[in-house]
Amino acid sequence: MTKLIKWLLTARNISLIAILYTLLVTVAFLLPANDILRVKIPFLDKFIHILIHTMLCCIWLWYFQVSENYRSFKKNVIIVLAVCFSYGILIEGLQHWFTKSRQFDFFDVIANGIGCIIGLLSFLLILKIYSQKINA
């Protein structure tokens, strides 16, 4: 099991996971709204945006953490947060311009930003727990 986890945590595999996840999210967000399961739970849509962007940030932050790049950790965090947040704005714009059943929603952008922040905090917590287990 440890060999499998180490293999999955290589930069190459994490980059593949990050790219596939980003593509999946893009396709899901650009599907016509009538193709998506409609549930009448208040704020479920915003919660989904938060969850998706939390995962998006965590995956990309983990990729930058394990990849051999020469930027500082702070620069990687700033880059990932800026790109993930900009991606959320871009997706909202694409929904407005290229789908008939969806439009730009400012509150979705806010939810995406909250998801990015939660993703960063989650990543930092995971990193702290992971480093404590390695040092123990």
N, C-alpha and C. Protein backbone atom coordinates (compact mmCIF):
# COMPACT_ATOMS: atom_id res chain seq x y z
N MET A 1 0.82 -1.19 0.00
CA MET A 1 0.00 0.00 0.00
C MET A 1 0.86 1.25 0.00
N THR A 2 1.95 1.24 0.74
CA THR A 2 2.83 2.40 0.81
C THR A 2 3.45 2.69 -0.55
N LYS A 3 3.82 1.64 -1.30
CA LYS A 3 4.39 1.84 -2.63
C LYS A 3 3.37 2.50 -3.57
N LEU A 4 2.11 2.08 -3.47
CA LEU A 4 1.06 2.66 -4.29
C LEU A 4 0.88 4.14 -3.97
N ILE A 5 0.86 4.48 -2.69
CA ILE A 5 0.70 5.88 -2.28
C ILE A 5 1.88 6.70 -2.76
N LYS A 6 3.10 6.19 -2.60
CA LYS A 6 4.29 6.91 -3.07
C LYS A 6 4.24 7.10 -4.58
N TRP A 7 3.78 6.08 -5.29
CA TRP A 7 3.68 6.19 -6.75
C TRP A 7 2.64 7.25 -7.13
N LEU A 8 1.49 7.26 -6.43
CA LEU A 8 0.44 8.24 -6.73
C LEU A 8 0.88 9.66 -6.41
N LEU A 9 1.78 9.81 -5.46
CA LEU A 9 2.19 11.14 -5.03
C LEU A 9 3.38 11.70 -5.80
N THR A 10 3.74 11.08 -6.89
CA THR A 10 4.79 11.65 -7.72
C THR A 10 4.24 12.86 -8.47
N ALA A 11 5.11 13.78 -8.81
CA ALA A 11 4.69 15.00 -9.49
C ALA A 11 3.96 14.69 -10.80
N ARG A 12 4.45 13.72 -11.52
CA ARG A 12 3.83 13.36 -12.81
C ARG A 12 2.38 12.90 -12.62
N ASN A 13 2.16 12.03 -11.65
CA ASN A 13 0.81 11.51 -11.42
C ASN A 13 -0.12 12.58 -10.85
N ILE A 14 0.39 13.40 -9.96
CA ILE A 14 -0.45 14.47 -9.41
C ILE A 14 -0.79 15.48 -10.50
N SER A 15 0.14 15.77 -11.39
CA SER A 15 -0.17 16.69 -12.49
C SER A 15 -1.26 16.10 -13.39
N LEU A 16 -1.20 14.80 -13.64
CA LEU A 16 -2.23 14.15 -14.44
C LEU A 16 -3.59 14.23 -13.74
N ILE A 17 -3.61 13.97 -12.45
CA ILE A 17 -4.85 14.06 -11.68
C ILE A 17 -5.38 15.49 -11.71
N ALA A 18 -4.49 16.47 -11.53
CA ALA A 18 -4.91 17.88 -11.53
C ALA A 18 -5.48 18.30 -12.88
N ILE A 19 -4.84 17.90 -13.94
CA ILE A 19 -5.33 18.25 -15.28
C ILE A 19 -6.67 17.58 -15.56
N LEU A 20 -6.78 16.30 -15.25
CA LEU A 20 -8.05 15.59 -15.48
C LEU A 20 -9.18 16.18 -14.64
N TYR A 21 -8.88 16.51 -13.40
CA TYR A 21 -9.90 17.12 -12.54
C TYR A 21 -10.34 18.48 -13.09
N THR A 22 -9.38 19.28 -13.53
CA THR A 22 -9.70 20.59 -14.09
C THR A 22 -10.56 20.45 -15.34
N LEU A 23 -10.22 19.49 -16.20
CA LEU A 23 -11.03 19.26 -17.40
C LEU A 23 -12.43 18.78 -17.04
N LEU A 24 -12.54 17.90 -16.08
CA LEU A 24 -13.84 17.40 -15.64
C LEU A 24 -14.71 18.55 -15.10
N VAL A 25 -14.11 19.40 -14.30
CA VAL A 25 -14.83 20.55 -13.75
C VAL A 25 -15.28 21.47 -14.88
N THR A 26 -14.41 21.72 -15.84
CA THR A 26 -14.74 22.59 -16.96
C THR A 26 -15.94 22.04 -17.72
N VAL A 27 -15.91 20.77 -18.03
CA VAL A 27 -17.02 20.16 -18.76
C VAL A 27 -18.30 20.23 -17.93
N ALA A 28 -18.21 19.92 -16.65
CA ALA A 28 -19.39 19.94 -15.79
C ALA A 28 -20.00 21.34 -15.70
N PHE A 29 -19.15 22.35 -15.61
CA PHE A 29 -19.66 23.72 -15.50
C PHE A 29 -20.21 24.25 -16.81
N LEU A 30 -19.81 23.66 -17.92
CA LEU A 30 -20.29 24.15 -19.21
C LEU A 30 -21.44 23.33 -19.79
N LEU A 31 -21.85 22.28 -19.08
CA LEU A 31 -23.04 21.53 -19.51
C LEU A 31 -24.27 22.42 -19.38
N PRO A 32 -25.23 22.26 -20.26
CA PRO A 32 -26.49 23.02 -20.10
C PRO A 32 -27.14 22.69 -18.76
N ALA A 33 -27.74 23.69 -18.15
CA ALA A 33 -28.31 23.54 -16.80
C ALA A 33 -29.39 22.47 -16.75
N ASN A 34 -30.12 22.26 -17.84
CA ASN A 34 -31.17 21.25 -17.82
C ASN A 34 -30.62 19.82 -17.84
N ASP A 35 -29.31 19.66 -18.12
CA ASP A 35 -28.69 18.33 -18.09
C ASP A 35 -28.18 17.96 -16.70
N ILE A 36 -28.27 18.90 -15.79
CA ILE A 36 -27.75 18.69 -14.44
C ILE A 36 -28.91 18.40 -13.50
N LEU A 37 -28.68 17.45 -12.61
CA LEU A 37 -29.70 17.08 -11.64
C LEU A 37 -30.11 18.31 -10.84
N ARG A 38 -31.38 18.62 -10.82
CA ARG A 38 -31.91 19.77 -10.09
C ARG A 38 -32.38 19.31 -8.71
N VAL A 39 -31.81 19.91 -7.68
CA VAL A 39 -32.21 19.61 -6.32
C VAL A 39 -32.63 20.93 -5.68
N LYS A 40 -33.72 20.93 -5.00
CA LYS A 40 -34.26 22.16 -4.41
C LYS A 40 -33.79 22.34 -2.97
N ILE A 41 -32.50 22.30 -2.76
CA ILE A 41 -31.93 22.55 -1.44
C ILE A 41 -31.27 23.93 -1.49
N PRO A 42 -31.66 24.83 -0.58
CA PRO A 42 -31.08 26.18 -0.61
C PRO A 42 -29.56 26.15 -0.48
N PHE A 43 -28.90 26.94 -1.28
CA PHE A 43 -27.45 27.14 -1.27
C PHE A 43 -26.63 25.91 -1.63
N LEU A 44 -27.27 24.84 -2.11
CA LEU A 44 -26.52 23.66 -2.53
C LEU A 44 -25.57 24.00 -3.67
N ASP A 45 -26.02 24.84 -4.59
CA ASP A 45 -25.20 25.27 -5.72
C ASP A 45 -23.92 25.95 -5.23
N LYS A 46 -24.05 26.82 -4.24
CA LYS A 46 -22.88 27.54 -3.72
C LYS A 46 -21.95 26.58 -2.98
N PHE A 47 -22.52 25.64 -2.25
CA PHE A 47 -21.72 24.63 -1.54
C PHE A 47 -20.92 23.80 -2.54
N ILE A 48 -21.53 23.44 -3.66
CA ILE A 48 -20.84 22.66 -4.69
C ILE A 48 -19.70 23.46 -5.28
N HIS A 49 -19.92 24.75 -5.54
CA HIS A 49 -18.84 25.61 -6.03
C HIS A 49 -17.67 25.65 -5.04
N ILE A 50 -18.00 25.80 -3.76
CA ILE A 50 -16.96 25.83 -2.72
C ILE A 50 -16.20 24.51 -2.71
N LEU A 51 -16.91 23.40 -2.72
CA LEU A 51 -16.28 22.08 -2.67
C LEU A 51 -15.38 21.85 -3.89
N ILE A 52 -15.87 22.18 -5.07
CA ILE A 52 -15.10 21.98 -6.29
C ILE A 52 -13.82 22.81 -6.26
N HIS A 53 -13.90 24.07 -5.86
CA HIS A 53 -12.71 24.91 -5.84
C HIS A 53 -11.77 24.56 -4.68
N THR A 54 -12.31 24.03 -3.60
CA THR A 54 -11.45 23.53 -2.52
C THR A 54 -10.57 22.41 -3.04
N MET A 55 -11.18 21.45 -3.73
CA MET A 55 -10.43 20.33 -4.30
C MET A 55 -9.45 20.81 -5.37
N LEU A 56 -9.90 21.73 -6.21
CA LEU A 56 -9.05 22.25 -7.29
C LEU A 56 -7.78 22.87 -6.72
N CYS A 57 -7.93 23.71 -5.72
CA CYS A 57 -6.76 24.35 -5.10
C CYS A 57 -5.86 23.33 -4.40
N CYS A 58 -6.47 22.41 -3.67
CA CYS A 58 -5.67 21.40 -2.95
C CYS A 58 -4.82 20.57 -3.92
N ILE A 59 -5.44 20.13 -4.99
CA ILE A 59 -4.72 19.29 -5.95
C ILE A 59 -3.58 20.05 -6.59
N TRP A 60 -3.85 21.28 -7.04
CA TRP A 60 -2.79 22.06 -7.69
C TRP A 60 -1.72 22.48 -6.69
N LEU A 61 -2.08 22.80 -5.46
CA LEU A 61 -1.07 23.13 -4.44
C LEU A 61 -0.19 21.91 -4.15
N TRP A 62 -0.81 20.74 -4.10
CA TRP A 62 -0.03 19.52 -3.85
C TRP A 62 0.93 19.26 -5.01
N TYR A 63 0.46 19.49 -6.23
CA TYR A 63 1.34 19.33 -7.38
C TYR A 63 2.56 20.24 -7.26
N PHE A 64 2.34 21.50 -6.98
CA PHE A 64 3.47 22.43 -6.87
C PHE A 64 4.37 22.09 -5.69
N GLN A 65 3.79 21.50 -4.65
CA GLN A 65 4.60 21.10 -3.49
C GLN A 65 5.55 19.97 -3.84
N VAL A 66 5.11 18.99 -4.63
CA VAL A 66 5.95 17.84 -4.93
C VAL A 66 6.78 18.01 -6.20
N SER A 67 6.40 18.98 -7.03
CA SER A 67 7.17 19.16 -8.26
C SER A 67 8.49 19.87 -7.94
N GLU A 68 9.42 19.69 -8.82
CA GLU A 68 10.73 20.31 -8.61
C GLU A 68 10.74 21.66 -9.30
N ASN A 69 10.15 22.64 -8.64
CA ASN A 69 10.19 23.99 -9.18
C ASN A 69 11.08 24.83 -8.29
N TYR A 70 11.43 25.97 -8.75
CA TYR A 70 12.41 26.79 -8.04
C TYR A 70 11.79 28.06 -7.47
N ARG A 71 10.47 28.10 -7.38
CA ARG A 71 9.81 29.23 -6.75
C ARG A 71 9.62 28.91 -5.27
N SER A 72 9.44 29.96 -4.50
CA SER A 72 9.20 29.75 -3.08
C SER A 72 7.78 29.25 -2.85
N PHE A 73 7.55 28.71 -1.68
CA PHE A 73 6.23 28.21 -1.32
C PHE A 73 5.18 29.31 -1.42
N LYS A 74 5.52 30.51 -0.94
CA LYS A 74 4.58 31.64 -0.98
C LYS A 74 4.21 31.99 -2.42
N LYS A 75 5.20 31.98 -3.31
CA LYS A 75 4.90 32.28 -4.71
C LYS A 75 4.00 31.22 -5.32
N ASN A 76 4.24 29.96 -4.99
CA ASN A 76 3.38 28.88 -5.49
C ASN A 76 1.95 29.07 -5.00
N VAL A 77 1.79 29.41 -3.74
CA VAL A 77 0.46 29.61 -3.18
C VAL A 77 -0.24 30.77 -3.89
N ILE A 78 0.46 31.86 -4.08
CA ILE A 78 -0.13 33.02 -4.75
C ILE A 78 -0.53 32.67 -6.19
N ILE A 79 0.35 31.96 -6.88
CA ILE A 79 0.06 31.57 -8.26
C ILE A 79 -1.18 30.67 -8.32
N VAL A 80 -1.22 29.64 -7.48
CA VAL A 80 -2.35 28.70 -7.50
C VAL A 80 -3.65 29.40 -7.14
N LEU A 81 -3.64 30.21 -6.10
CA LEU A 81 -4.86 30.91 -5.70
C LEU A 81 -5.33 31.85 -6.81
N ALA A 82 -4.41 32.60 -7.39
CA ALA A 82 -4.79 33.54 -8.45
C ALA A 82 -5.33 32.80 -9.67
N VAL A 83 -4.67 31.73 -10.07
CA VAL A 83 -5.12 31.00 -11.26
C VAL A 83 -6.46 30.30 -10.99
N CYS A 84 -6.62 29.67 -9.84
CA CYS A 84 -7.88 28.97 -9.54
C CYS A 84 -9.04 29.96 -9.42
N PHE A 85 -8.81 31.11 -8.80
CA PHE A 85 -9.86 32.12 -8.70
C PHE A 85 -10.19 32.69 -10.08
N SER A 86 -9.17 32.98 -10.87
CA SER A 86 -9.39 33.48 -12.23
C SER A 86 -10.11 32.44 -13.09
N TYR A 87 -9.77 31.19 -12.89
CA TYR A 87 -10.45 30.09 -13.60
C TYR A 87 -11.94 30.11 -13.28
N GLY A 88 -12.28 30.32 -12.00
CA GLY A 88 -13.69 30.39 -11.61
C GLY A 88 -14.42 31.54 -12.29
N ILE A 89 -13.76 32.69 -12.40
CA ILE A 89 -14.36 33.83 -13.09
C ILE A 89 -14.51 33.52 -14.58
N LEU A 90 -13.48 32.92 -15.16
CA LEU A 90 -13.53 32.56 -16.58
C LEU A 90 -14.67 31.60 -16.87
N ILE A 91 -14.83 30.59 -16.03
CA ILE A 91 -15.91 29.62 -16.22
C ILE A 91 -17.26 30.31 -16.15
N GLU A 92 -17.43 31.22 -15.21
CA GLU A 92 -18.70 31.96 -15.12
C GLU A 92 -18.94 32.76 -16.40
N GLY A 93 -17.90 33.38 -16.93
CA GLY A 93 -18.04 34.12 -18.18
C GLY A 93 -18.38 33.20 -19.34
N LEU A 94 -17.71 32.06 -19.41
CA LEU A 94 -18.00 31.10 -20.48
C LEU A 94 -19.43 30.57 -20.38
N GLN A 95 -19.91 30.37 -19.17
CA GLN A 95 -21.29 29.94 -19.00
C GLN A 95 -22.25 31.00 -19.57
N HIS A 96 -21.94 32.24 -19.31
CA HIS A 96 -22.80 33.34 -19.77
C HIS A 96 -22.77 33.47 -21.30
N TRP A 97 -21.57 33.37 -21.87
CA TRP A 97 -21.41 33.61 -23.30
C TRP A 97 -21.75 32.41 -24.17
N PHE A 98 -21.51 31.19 -23.69
CA PHE A 98 -21.60 30.02 -24.57
C PHE A 98 -22.69 29.02 -24.20
N THR A 99 -23.44 29.26 -23.14
CA THR A 99 -24.56 28.38 -22.83
C THR A 99 -25.83 29.22 -22.77
N LYS A 100 -26.91 28.62 -23.17
CA LYS A 100 -28.19 29.35 -23.15
C LYS A 100 -28.90 29.23 -21.81
N SER A 101 -28.61 28.18 -21.09
CA SER A 101 -29.35 27.93 -19.85
C SER A 101 -28.59 28.38 -18.60
N ARG A 102 -27.46 29.02 -18.77
CA ARG A 102 -26.67 29.49 -17.62
C ARG A 102 -26.25 30.93 -17.86
N GLN A 103 -25.97 31.62 -16.76
CA GLN A 103 -25.47 32.98 -16.87
C GLN A 103 -24.43 33.24 -15.79
N PHE A 104 -23.73 34.35 -15.93
CA PHE A 104 -22.73 34.76 -14.96
C PHE A 104 -23.43 35.02 -13.62
N ASP A 105 -22.87 34.45 -12.55
CA ASP A 105 -23.44 34.64 -11.22
C ASP A 105 -22.33 35.12 -10.29
N PHE A 106 -22.45 36.37 -9.83
CA PHE A 106 -21.43 36.95 -8.96
C PHE A 106 -21.27 36.13 -7.68
N PHE A 107 -22.36 35.58 -7.16
CA PHE A 107 -22.28 34.80 -5.92
C PHE A 107 -21.56 33.47 -6.14
N ASP A 108 -21.60 32.95 -7.35
CA ASP A 108 -20.79 31.77 -7.67
C ASP A 108 -19.30 32.13 -7.62
N VAL A 109 -18.96 33.32 -8.10
CA VAL A 109 -17.57 33.78 -8.05
C VAL A 109 -17.12 33.89 -6.59
N ILE A 110 -17.98 34.44 -5.74
CA ILE A 110 -17.66 34.54 -4.31
C ILE A 110 -17.48 33.14 -3.71
N ALA A 111 -18.37 32.22 -4.06
CA ALA A 111 -18.26 30.83 -3.57
C ALA A 111 -16.96 30.20 -4.05
N ASN A 112 -16.58 30.47 -5.31
CA ASN A 112 -15.31 29.95 -5.83
C ASN A 112 -14.13 30.49 -5.02
N GLY A 113 -14.17 31.78 -4.70
CA GLY A 113 -13.10 32.38 -3.90
C GLY A 113 -13.03 31.78 -2.51
N ILE A 114 -14.18 31.56 -1.90
CA ILE A 114 -14.22 30.92 -0.58
C ILE A 114 -13.65 29.51 -0.67
N GLY A 115 -13.99 28.81 -1.74
CA GLY A 115 -13.44 27.46 -1.95
C GLY A 115 -11.93 27.48 -2.08
N CYS A 116 -11.39 28.49 -2.76
CA CYS A 116 -9.93 28.61 -2.91
C CYS A 116 -9.28 28.81 -1.54
N ILE A 117 -9.86 29.67 -0.72
CA ILE A 117 -9.31 29.92 0.63
C ILE A 117 -9.39 28.65 1.47
N ILE A 118 -10.53 27.97 1.44
CA ILE A 118 -10.67 26.72 2.19
C ILE A 118 -9.70 25.67 1.66
N GLY A 119 -9.49 25.65 0.34
CA GLY A 119 -8.52 24.73 -0.25
C GLY A 119 -7.12 24.98 0.27
N LEU A 120 -6.74 26.25 0.36
CA LEU A 120 -5.42 26.60 0.90
C LEU A 120 -5.31 26.16 2.35
N LEU A 121 -6.32 26.48 3.16
CA LEU A 121 -6.28 26.11 4.58
C LEU A 121 -6.26 24.59 4.75
N SER A 122 -7.03 23.89 3.94
CA SER A 122 -7.04 22.42 3.99
C SER A 122 -5.68 21.85 3.62
N PHE A 123 -5.09 22.42 2.57
CA PHE A 123 -3.78 21.96 2.12
C PHE A 123 -2.74 22.17 3.22
N LEU A 124 -2.77 23.34 3.85
CA LEU A 124 -1.81 23.62 4.92
C LEU A 124 -1.99 22.65 6.09
N LEU A 125 -3.23 22.31 6.40
CA LEU A 125 -3.50 21.34 7.47
C LEU A 125 -2.99 19.96 7.08
N ILE A 126 -3.28 19.54 5.86
CA ILE A 126 -2.80 18.24 5.38
C ILE A 126 -1.27 18.20 5.38
N LEU A 127 -0.66 19.27 4.93
CA LEU A 127 0.81 19.35 4.89
C LEU A 127 1.39 19.26 6.30
N LYS A 128 0.76 19.92 7.25
CA LYS A 128 1.22 19.88 8.64
C LYS A 128 1.11 18.46 9.20
N ILE A 129 -0.03 17.82 8.98
CA ILE A 129 -0.23 16.45 9.47
C ILE A 129 0.76 15.50 8.80
N TYR A 130 0.92 15.64 7.49
CA TYR A 130 1.83 14.79 6.73
C TYR A 130 3.27 14.94 7.21
N SER A 131 3.70 16.19 7.44
CA SER A 131 5.08 16.42 7.87
C SER A 131 5.29 15.92 9.31
N GLN A 132 4.26 15.99 10.15
CA GLN A 132 4.40 15.46 11.51
C GLN A 132 4.54 13.95 11.51
N LYS A 133 3.83 13.28 10.60
CA LYS A 133 3.94 11.82 10.54
C LYS A 133 5.30 11.39 9.99
N ILE A 134 5.84 12.17 9.08
CA ILE A 134 7.17 11.84 8.54
C ILE A 134 8.24 12.05 9.60
N ASN A 135 8.11 13.11 10.39
CA ASN A 135 9.11 13.44 11.40
C ASN A 135 8.97 12.57 12.65
N ALA A 136 7.84 11.89 12.80
CA ALA A 136 7.62 11.08 14.01
C ALA A 136 8.36 9.76 13.94
